[in-house]
Amino acid sequence: MADIFDMKEIKMIKTEEQDMEYITLNNGVRMPVLGYGVYQVSNEECERCVLDAIGEGYRSIDTAQAYGNEEAVGNAVRKCGVPREELFLTTKVWISNGGYEKAKISLKESLQMGK
């Protein structure tokens, strides 16, 4: 299995608030090295926290279906004023939704939460 990271490709990119390191994955996607996770952040607090994190320069936000706050992350992304293509969002599917077909359906549900 090939490594998805090429450590020679880490670059410092200047954002408005801070320097952010990015790594270029083998598929050409640029991913911020540092991300903001919302594990155990209540849905009520999550939108504000994500807006604050983006305001401080974070460009990678990590959530999961099990956290129950994907919709709040989506709300923050829409409200933040940063172009969507500058943000790197990750989520994780429920363990019971493992396997190709179940994962596809589960990911579609997550994408709907972000709209």
C-alpha atoms as a PDB file:
ATOM      1  CA  MET A   1       0.000   0.000   0.000  1.00  0.00           C
ATOM      2  CA  ALA A   2       1.475   3.351  -1.025  1.00  0.00           C
ATOM      3  CA  ASP A   3       1.727   6.145   1.487  1.00  0.00           C
ATOM      4  CA  ILE A   4      -0.859   8.856   0.882  1.00  0.00           C
ATOM      5  CA  PHE A   5       1.461  11.483   2.323  1.00  0.00           C
ATOM      6  CA  ASP A   6       4.553  12.801   0.614  1.00  0.00           C
ATOM      7  CA  MET A   7       6.336  14.586   3.441  1.00  0.00           C
ATOM      8  CA  LYS A   8       8.401  16.603   0.949  1.00  0.00           C
ATOM      9  CA  GLU A   9       5.198  18.368  -0.032  1.00  0.00           C
ATOM     10  CA  ILE A  10       4.407  20.051   3.310  1.00  0.00           C
ATOM     11  CA  LYS A  11       4.217  23.785   2.702  1.00  0.00           C
ATOM     12  CA  MET A  12       3.430  26.807   4.834  1.00  0.00           C
ATOM     13  CA  ILE A  13       0.471  28.739   3.471  1.00  0.00           C
ATOM     14  CA  LYS A  14      -0.317  32.170   4.900  1.00  0.00           C
ATOM     15  CA  THR A  15      -3.912  32.636   5.978  1.00  0.00           C
ATOM     16  CA  GLU A  16      -5.325  35.882   7.317  1.00  0.00           C
ATOM     17  CA  GLU A  17      -4.988  34.858  10.961  1.00  0.00           C
ATOM     18  CA  GLN A  18      -2.070  32.441  11.114  1.00  0.00           C
ATOM     19  CA  ASP A  19       0.342  30.279   9.184  1.00  0.00           C
ATOM     20  CA  MET A  20      -1.210  26.966   8.218  1.00  0.00           C
ATOM     21  CA  GLU A  21       0.742  23.942   7.049  1.00  0.00           C
ATOM     22  CA  TYR A  22      -0.722  21.874   4.232  1.00  0.00           C
ATOM     23  CA  ILE A  23       0.232  18.491   2.886  1.00  0.00           C
ATOM     24  CA  THR A  24      -0.489  17.401  -0.669  1.00  0.00           C
ATOM     25  CA  LEU A  25      -1.964  13.909  -0.831  1.00  0.00           C
ATOM     26  CA  ASN A  26      -1.046  11.566  -3.676  1.00  0.00           C
ATOM     27  CA  ASN A  27      -4.356  12.371  -5.372  1.00  0.00           C
ATOM     28  CA  GLY A  28      -3.393  16.072  -5.489  1.00  0.00           C
ATOM     29  CA  VAL A  29      -5.749  17.221  -2.712  1.00  0.00           C
ATOM     30  CA  ARG A  30      -4.222  19.752  -0.313  1.00  0.00           C
ATOM     31  CA  MET A  31      -5.038  18.951   3.319  1.00  0.00           C
ATOM     32  CA  PRO A  32      -4.293  21.172   6.316  1.00  0.00           C
ATOM     33  CA  VAL A  33      -1.953  19.426   8.743  1.00  0.00           C
ATOM     34  CA  LEU A  34      -3.788  20.845  11.766  1.00  0.00           C
ATOM     35  CA  GLY A  35      -7.533  20.429  12.169  1.00  0.00           C
ATOM     36  CA  TYR A  36     -10.278  21.298  14.637  1.00  0.00           C
ATOM     37  CA  GLY A  37     -12.286  18.391  16.032  1.00  0.00           C
ATOM     38  CA  VAL A  38     -15.759  18.633  17.504  1.00  0.00           C
ATOM     39  CA  TYR A  39     -15.900  15.369  19.468  1.00  0.00           C
ATOM     40  CA  GLN A  40     -18.130  15.808  22.535  1.00  0.00           C
ATOM     41  CA  VAL A  41     -19.082  19.353  21.515  1.00  0.00           C
ATOM     42  CA  SER A  42     -22.835  19.707  21.950  1.00  0.00           C
ATOM     43  CA  ASN A  43     -24.878  20.559  18.903  1.00  0.00           C
ATOM     44  CA  GLU A  44     -25.868  23.799  20.645  1.00  0.00           C
ATOM     45  CA  GLU A  45     -22.221  24.891  21.080  1.00  0.00           C
ATOM     46  CA  CYS A  46     -20.759  23.408  17.923  1.00  0.00           C
ATOM     47  CA  GLU A  47     -21.719  26.078  15.403  1.00  0.00           C
ATOM     48  CA  ARG A  48     -20.171  28.854  17.510  1.00  0.00           C
ATOM     49  CA  CYS A  49     -17.030  26.812  18.206  1.00  0.00           C
ATOM     50  CA  VAL A  50     -16.499  26.010  14.528  1.00  0.00           C
ATOM     51  CA  LEU A  51     -17.065  29.650  13.540  1.00  0.00           C
ATOM     52  CA  ASP A  52     -14.476  30.682  16.141  1.00  0.00           C
ATOM     53  CA  ALA A  53     -12.006  28.047  14.924  1.00  0.00           C
ATOM     54  CA  ILE A  54     -12.360  29.132  11.297  1.00  0.00           C
ATOM     55  CA  GLY A  55     -11.958  32.746  12.397  1.00  0.00           C
ATOM     56  CA  GLU A  56      -8.667  31.784  14.052  1.00  0.00           C
ATOM     57  CA  GLY A  57      -7.368  30.226  10.845  1.00  0.00           C
ATOM     58  CA  TYR A  58      -8.370  26.566  11.045  1.00  0.00           C
ATOM     59  CA  ARG A  59      -9.288  25.207   7.641  1.00  0.00           C
ATOM     60  CA  SER A  60      -9.829  21.546   8.549  1.00  0.00           C
ATOM     61  CA  ILE A  61     -12.881  20.545  10.586  1.00  0.00           C
ATOM     62  CA  ASP A  62     -13.442  16.973  11.764  1.00  0.00           C
ATOM     63  CA  THR A  63     -16.810  15.581  12.873  1.00  0.00           C
ATOM     64  CA  ALA A  64     -18.667  12.254  12.856  1.00  0.00           C
ATOM     65  CA  GLN A  65     -22.200  11.003  12.615  1.00  0.00           C
ATOM     66  CA  ALA A  66     -21.918   9.680  16.160  1.00  0.00           C
ATOM     67  CA  TYR A  67     -21.079  13.167  17.482  1.00  0.00           C
ATOM     68  CA  GLY A  68     -24.548  14.422  16.540  1.00  0.00           C
ATOM     69  CA  ASN A  69     -23.238  17.807  15.386  1.00  0.00           C
ATOM     70  CA  GLU A  70     -22.737  17.502  11.618  1.00  0.00           C
ATOM     71  CA  GLU A  71     -25.607  19.899  10.969  1.00  0.00           C
ATOM     72  CA  ALA A  72     -24.039  22.530  13.252  1.00  0.00           C
ATOM     73  CA  VAL A  73     -20.721  22.146  11.401  1.00  0.00           C
ATOM     74  CA  GLY A  74     -22.578  22.650   8.106  1.00  0.00           C
ATOM     75  CA  ASN A  75     -24.283  25.775   9.466  1.00  0.00           C
ATOM     76  CA  ALA A  76     -20.935  27.225  10.530  1.00  0.00           C
ATOM     77  CA  VAL A  77     -19.382  26.470   7.137  1.00  0.00           C
ATOM     78  CA  ARG A  78     -22.216  28.301   5.378  1.00  0.00           C
ATOM     79  CA  LYS A  79     -21.987  31.319   7.706  1.00  0.00           C
ATOM     80  CA  CYS A  80     -18.205  31.671   8.057  1.00  0.00           C
ATOM     81  CA  GLY A  81     -17.492  33.695   4.906  1.00  0.00           C
ATOM     82  CA  VAL A  82     -14.581  31.462   3.874  1.00  0.00           C
ATOM     83  CA  PRO A  83     -15.034  29.930   0.405  1.00  0.00           C
ATOM     84  CA  ARG A  84     -16.032  26.266   0.743  1.00  0.00           C
ATOM     85  CA  GLU A  85     -13.137  25.142  -1.481  1.00  0.00           C
ATOM     86  CA  GLU A  86     -10.719  26.497   1.153  1.00  0.00           C
ATOM     87  CA  LEU A  87     -12.155  24.235   3.864  1.00  0.00           C
ATOM     88  CA  PHE A  88     -11.314  20.560   4.393  1.00  0.00           C
ATOM     89  CA  LEU A  89     -14.154  18.688   6.121  1.00  0.00           C
ATOM     90  CA  THR A  90     -14.041  15.132   7.408  1.00  0.00           C
ATOM     91  CA  THR A  91     -16.663  12.934   9.000  1.00  0.00           C
ATOM     92  CA  LYS A  92     -16.917   9.305   9.999  1.00  0.00           C
ATOM     93  CA  VAL A  93     -19.799   6.913   9.425  1.00  0.00           C
ATOM     94  CA  TRP A  94     -21.528   4.895  12.139  1.00  0.00           C
ATOM     95  CA  ILE A  95     -19.812   1.550  12.685  1.00  0.00           C
ATOM     96  CA  SER A  96     -23.091  -0.186  11.829  1.00  0.00           C
ATOM     97  CA  ASN A  97     -22.910   1.457   8.390  1.00  0.00           C
ATOM     98  CA  GLY A  98     -19.726  -0.322   7.378  1.00  0.00           C
ATOM     99  CA  GLY A  99     -19.485  -1.887   3.930  1.00  0.00           C
ATOM    100  CA  TYR A 100     -19.665  -0.218   0.564  1.00  0.00           C
ATOM    101  CA  GLU A 101     -23.421   0.181   0.042  1.00  0.00           C
ATOM    102  CA  LYS A 102     -24.253   1.164   3.624  1.00  0.00           C
ATOM    103  CA  ALA A 103     -21.329   3.600   3.707  1.00  0.00           C
ATOM    104  CA  LYS A 104     -22.512   5.274   0.477  1.00  0.00           C
ATOM    105  CA  ILE A 105     -25.969   5.853   1.951  1.00  0.00           C
ATOM    106  CA  SER A 106     -24.481   7.028   5.234  1.00  0.00           C
ATOM    107  CA  LEU A 107     -22.186   9.520   3.523  1.00  0.00           C
ATOM    108  CA  LYS A 108     -25.093  10.920   1.494  1.00  0.00           C
ATOM    109  CA  GLU A 109     -26.905  11.530   4.788  1.00  0.00           C
ATOM    110  CA  SER A 110     -23.863  13.379   6.147  1.00  0.00           C
ATOM    111  CA  LEU A 111     -23.657  15.512   3.018  1.00  0.00           C
ATOM    112  CA  GLN A 112     -27.331  16.444   3.422  1.00  0.00           C
ATOM    113  CA  MET A 113     -26.615  17.618   6.992  1.00  0.00           C
ATOM    114  CA  GLY A 114     -24.097  20.087   5.602  1.00  0.00           C
ATOM    115  CA  LYS A 115     -26.495  21.696   3.129  1.00  0.00           C
END
